N, C-alpha and C. Protein backbone atom coordinates (compact mmCIF):
# COMPACT_ATOMS: atom_id res chain seq x y z
N MET A 1 0.70 -26.49 27.70
CA MET A 1 1.02 -25.26 27.00
C MET A 1 2.42 -24.91 26.86
N LYS A 2 2.96 -24.62 25.73
CA LYS A 2 4.20 -24.16 25.40
C LYS A 2 4.75 -22.88 25.87
N LYS A 3 5.90 -22.79 26.43
CA LYS A 3 6.43 -21.39 26.93
C LYS A 3 7.04 -20.83 25.51
N GLN A 4 6.87 -19.48 25.35
CA GLN A 4 7.45 -18.84 24.28
C GLN A 4 8.85 -18.15 24.66
N GLY A 5 9.84 -18.36 23.98
CA GLY A 5 11.17 -17.73 24.25
C GLY A 5 11.18 -16.34 23.70
N MET A 6 12.34 -15.68 23.98
CA MET A 6 12.63 -14.37 23.52
C MET A 6 12.76 -14.44 21.89
N LYS A 7 11.95 -13.41 21.35
CA LYS A 7 12.13 -13.33 19.89
C LYS A 7 13.41 -12.59 19.46
N ARG A 8 13.92 -13.06 18.24
CA ARG A 8 15.18 -12.54 17.72
C ARG A 8 14.87 -11.07 17.32
N GLN A 9 15.96 -10.26 17.58
CA GLN A 9 15.98 -8.82 17.18
C GLN A 9 17.10 -8.51 16.31
N LEU A 10 16.92 -7.76 15.21
CA LEU A 10 18.13 -7.48 14.34
C LEU A 10 17.86 -5.84 14.08
N VAL A 11 19.27 -5.33 13.81
CA VAL A 11 19.16 -3.72 13.54
C VAL A 11 19.68 -3.80 12.12
N GLY A 12 19.07 -2.92 11.16
CA GLY A 12 19.55 -2.86 9.87
C GLY A 12 19.10 -1.54 9.22
N THR A 13 19.52 -1.34 7.94
CA THR A 13 19.11 -0.09 7.21
C THR A 13 18.13 -0.42 5.99
N VAL A 14 17.13 0.52 6.00
CA VAL A 14 16.14 0.26 5.09
C VAL A 14 16.82 0.63 3.63
N THR A 15 16.55 -0.26 2.78
CA THR A 15 17.06 -0.06 1.34
C THR A 15 15.83 0.15 0.38
N SER A 16 14.75 -0.28 0.68
CA SER A 16 13.57 -0.11 -0.24
C SER A 16 12.32 0.00 0.51
N ASN A 17 11.39 0.98 0.12
CA ASN A 17 10.09 1.09 0.78
C ASN A 17 8.96 1.36 -0.33
N LYS A 18 9.25 0.71 -1.52
CA LYS A 18 8.35 0.99 -2.57
C LYS A 18 6.93 0.15 -2.37
N MET A 19 7.00 -0.97 -1.47
CA MET A 19 5.88 -1.75 -1.37
C MET A 19 4.92 -1.14 -0.35
N ASP A 20 3.64 -1.43 -0.38
CA ASP A 20 2.72 -1.01 0.52
C ASP A 20 2.86 -1.87 1.86
N LYS A 21 3.13 -1.10 3.03
CA LYS A 21 3.34 -1.78 4.35
C LYS A 21 4.41 -2.73 4.49
N THR A 22 5.47 -2.62 3.54
CA THR A 22 6.57 -3.48 3.57
C THR A 22 7.88 -2.80 3.23
N VAL A 23 8.85 -3.11 3.95
CA VAL A 23 10.21 -2.53 3.75
C VAL A 23 11.23 -3.61 3.52
N VAL A 24 12.27 -3.23 2.81
CA VAL A 24 13.38 -4.27 2.64
C VAL A 24 14.54 -3.64 3.62
N VAL A 25 15.13 -4.57 4.39
CA VAL A 25 16.14 -4.08 5.28
C VAL A 25 17.33 -4.95 5.20
N ARG A 26 18.45 -4.25 5.08
CA ARG A 26 19.78 -4.89 4.91
C ARG A 26 20.43 -4.88 6.38
N VAL A 27 20.83 -6.19 6.76
CA VAL A 27 21.45 -6.44 8.13
C VAL A 27 22.79 -6.88 7.77
N GLU A 28 23.80 -6.11 8.53
CA GLU A 28 25.19 -6.50 8.29
C GLU A 28 25.69 -7.12 9.65
N ARG A 29 26.52 -8.10 9.52
CA ARG A 29 27.31 -8.70 10.71
C ARG A 29 28.56 -8.99 10.35
N LEU A 30 29.44 -9.04 11.48
CA LEU A 30 30.95 -9.48 11.18
C LEU A 30 31.08 -10.89 11.66
N VAL A 31 31.82 -11.67 10.72
CA VAL A 31 32.11 -13.10 11.05
C VAL A 31 33.59 -13.23 10.91
N LYS A 32 34.15 -13.95 11.78
CA LYS A 32 35.58 -14.18 11.77
C LYS A 32 35.79 -15.60 10.95
N HIS A 33 36.98 -15.24 9.97
CA HIS A 33 37.30 -16.38 8.98
C HIS A 33 37.94 -17.47 9.75
N LYS A 34 37.59 -18.63 9.61
CA LYS A 34 38.09 -19.75 10.26
C LYS A 34 39.63 -19.99 10.17
N PHE A 35 40.11 -19.85 8.89
CA PHE A 35 41.58 -20.05 8.65
C PHE A 35 42.47 -18.82 8.77
N TYR A 36 41.97 -17.69 8.10
CA TYR A 36 42.70 -16.43 8.20
C TYR A 36 42.51 -15.56 9.53
N HIS A 37 41.52 -15.83 10.34
CA HIS A 37 41.14 -15.06 11.50
C HIS A 37 41.02 -13.75 11.25
N LYS A 38 40.45 -13.33 10.04
CA LYS A 38 40.16 -12.03 9.68
C LYS A 38 38.60 -11.73 9.65
N TYR A 39 38.17 -10.65 10.12
CA TYR A 39 36.70 -10.34 10.05
C TYR A 39 36.15 -10.13 8.68
N ILE A 40 35.21 -10.67 8.39
CA ILE A 40 34.50 -10.54 7.01
C ILE A 40 33.10 -9.83 7.29
N ARG A 41 32.76 -8.97 6.48
CA ARG A 41 31.30 -8.39 6.59
C ARG A 41 30.33 -9.16 5.77
N ARG A 42 29.46 -9.67 6.50
CA ARG A 42 28.36 -10.42 5.73
C ARG A 42 27.08 -9.67 5.91
N ARG A 43 26.12 -9.81 4.82
CA ARG A 43 25.08 -8.89 4.86
C ARG A 43 23.86 -9.96 4.25
N ALA A 44 22.50 -9.67 4.80
CA ALA A 44 21.45 -10.21 4.35
C ALA A 44 20.36 -9.30 4.21
N LYS A 45 19.33 -9.63 3.38
CA LYS A 45 18.23 -8.77 3.27
C LYS A 45 16.93 -9.45 3.68
N PHE A 46 16.16 -8.79 4.39
CA PHE A 46 15.01 -9.16 5.02
C PHE A 46 13.80 -8.28 4.67
N THR A 47 12.61 -8.92 4.26
CA THR A 47 11.46 -8.05 4.08
C THR A 47 10.79 -7.91 5.40
N ALA A 48 10.33 -6.87 5.85
CA ALA A 48 9.59 -6.60 7.16
C ALA A 48 8.34 -5.79 6.98
N HIS A 49 7.46 -6.03 7.87
CA HIS A 49 6.18 -5.35 7.87
C HIS A 49 6.24 -3.97 8.57
N ASP A 50 5.89 -2.95 7.84
CA ASP A 50 5.90 -1.54 8.35
C ASP A 50 4.37 -1.12 8.38
N GLN A 51 3.76 -1.18 9.53
CA GLN A 51 2.33 -1.00 9.67
C GLN A 51 1.89 0.48 9.13
N ASN A 52 2.53 1.45 9.49
CA ASN A 52 2.24 2.80 9.20
C ASN A 52 2.89 3.41 8.04
N ASN A 53 3.63 2.68 7.21
CA ASN A 53 4.47 3.18 6.12
C ASN A 53 5.37 4.28 6.52
N SER A 54 5.89 4.19 7.73
CA SER A 54 6.71 5.30 8.38
C SER A 54 8.10 5.28 8.03
N CYS A 55 8.64 4.23 7.49
CA CYS A 55 10.05 4.16 7.15
C CYS A 55 10.43 4.82 5.89
N GLN A 56 11.57 5.40 5.91
CA GLN A 56 12.12 5.97 4.77
C GLN A 56 13.52 5.24 4.41
N ILE A 57 13.95 5.38 3.09
CA ILE A 57 15.22 4.84 2.67
C ILE A 57 16.29 5.41 3.61
N GLY A 58 17.21 4.52 4.02
CA GLY A 58 18.37 5.10 4.83
C GLY A 58 18.15 5.05 6.39
N ASP A 59 16.85 4.90 6.80
CA ASP A 59 16.47 4.90 8.22
C ASP A 59 17.12 3.52 8.82
N LYS A 60 17.74 3.55 10.10
CA LYS A 60 18.12 2.48 10.88
C LYS A 60 16.94 1.97 11.66
N VAL A 61 16.50 0.74 11.47
CA VAL A 61 15.30 0.15 12.20
C VAL A 61 15.73 -1.06 12.88
N MET A 62 14.91 -1.40 13.97
CA MET A 62 14.94 -2.55 14.69
C MET A 62 13.93 -3.57 14.23
N LEU A 63 14.33 -4.83 13.81
CA LEU A 63 13.33 -5.84 13.46
C LEU A 63 13.06 -6.85 14.56
N THR A 64 11.90 -7.30 14.74
CA THR A 64 11.51 -8.30 15.60
C THR A 64 10.95 -9.52 14.84
N GLU A 65 11.31 -10.63 15.36
CA GLU A 65 10.78 -11.85 14.60
C GLU A 65 9.40 -12.09 14.86
N CYS A 66 8.59 -12.61 14.01
CA CYS A 66 7.24 -12.63 14.20
C CYS A 66 6.67 -13.96 13.31
N ARG A 67 5.37 -14.20 13.41
CA ARG A 67 4.77 -15.40 12.64
C ARG A 67 4.80 -15.01 11.05
N PRO A 68 4.73 -15.95 10.23
CA PRO A 68 4.69 -15.53 8.73
C PRO A 68 3.53 -14.67 8.46
N LEU A 69 3.81 -13.48 7.92
CA LEU A 69 2.83 -12.59 7.50
C LEU A 69 2.43 -12.73 5.99
N SER A 70 3.30 -13.20 5.26
CA SER A 70 3.16 -13.45 3.83
C SER A 70 4.13 -14.35 3.37
N ARG A 71 4.31 -14.72 2.01
CA ARG A 71 5.28 -15.63 1.59
C ARG A 71 6.75 -15.27 2.00
N SER A 72 7.09 -14.01 2.12
CA SER A 72 8.43 -13.53 2.31
C SER A 72 8.59 -12.88 3.62
N LYS A 73 7.55 -12.35 4.33
CA LYS A 73 7.63 -11.51 5.53
C LYS A 73 7.66 -12.29 6.65
N ARG A 74 8.67 -12.33 7.45
CA ARG A 74 8.76 -13.13 8.81
C ARG A 74 9.23 -12.14 9.82
N TRP A 75 9.33 -10.88 9.59
CA TRP A 75 9.91 -9.88 10.49
C TRP A 75 8.92 -8.65 10.49
N ARG A 76 9.02 -7.98 11.70
CA ARG A 76 8.00 -6.64 11.77
C ARG A 76 8.98 -5.54 12.18
N VAL A 77 8.89 -4.26 11.81
CA VAL A 77 9.54 -3.21 12.22
C VAL A 77 9.10 -2.84 13.63
N SER A 78 9.99 -3.01 14.63
CA SER A 78 9.51 -2.63 16.06
C SER A 78 9.71 -1.12 16.25
N LYS A 79 10.84 -0.62 15.91
CA LYS A 79 11.05 0.83 16.05
C LYS A 79 12.07 1.24 15.11
N ILE A 80 12.11 2.65 14.90
CA ILE A 80 13.08 3.25 14.15
C ILE A 80 14.06 3.88 15.03
N VAL A 81 15.33 3.41 14.86
CA VAL A 81 16.38 3.74 15.78
C VAL A 81 17.01 5.10 15.43
N GLN A 82 17.06 5.31 14.04
CA GLN A 82 17.67 6.58 13.65
C GLN A 82 17.09 6.92 12.31
N LYS A 83 16.54 8.09 12.20
CA LYS A 83 16.02 8.61 10.86
C LYS A 83 17.08 8.95 9.86
N ALA A 84 17.01 8.83 8.66
CA ALA A 84 17.86 9.15 7.48
C ALA A 84 18.06 10.78 7.53
N VAL A 85 19.17 11.24 7.16
CA VAL A 85 19.38 12.65 7.05
C VAL A 85 18.91 13.17 5.72
């Protein structure tokens, strides 16, 4: 039997909630440029499973990695860190 490691977790902002039980989350990270040694902001969009349709646009959410739920969904909303104003 194989041991399962810790699942990855990301924090991002909800940009779209138009789909049923699915949200699009934008995750930003800072990366140091190899030559210029300047920090660059990189961002990626992830589609995540939102079981109760509780996320609104602008909410800060925590995503947890999971098994493939559909063609594009490999993340699940684990909790809402901060609600949008």
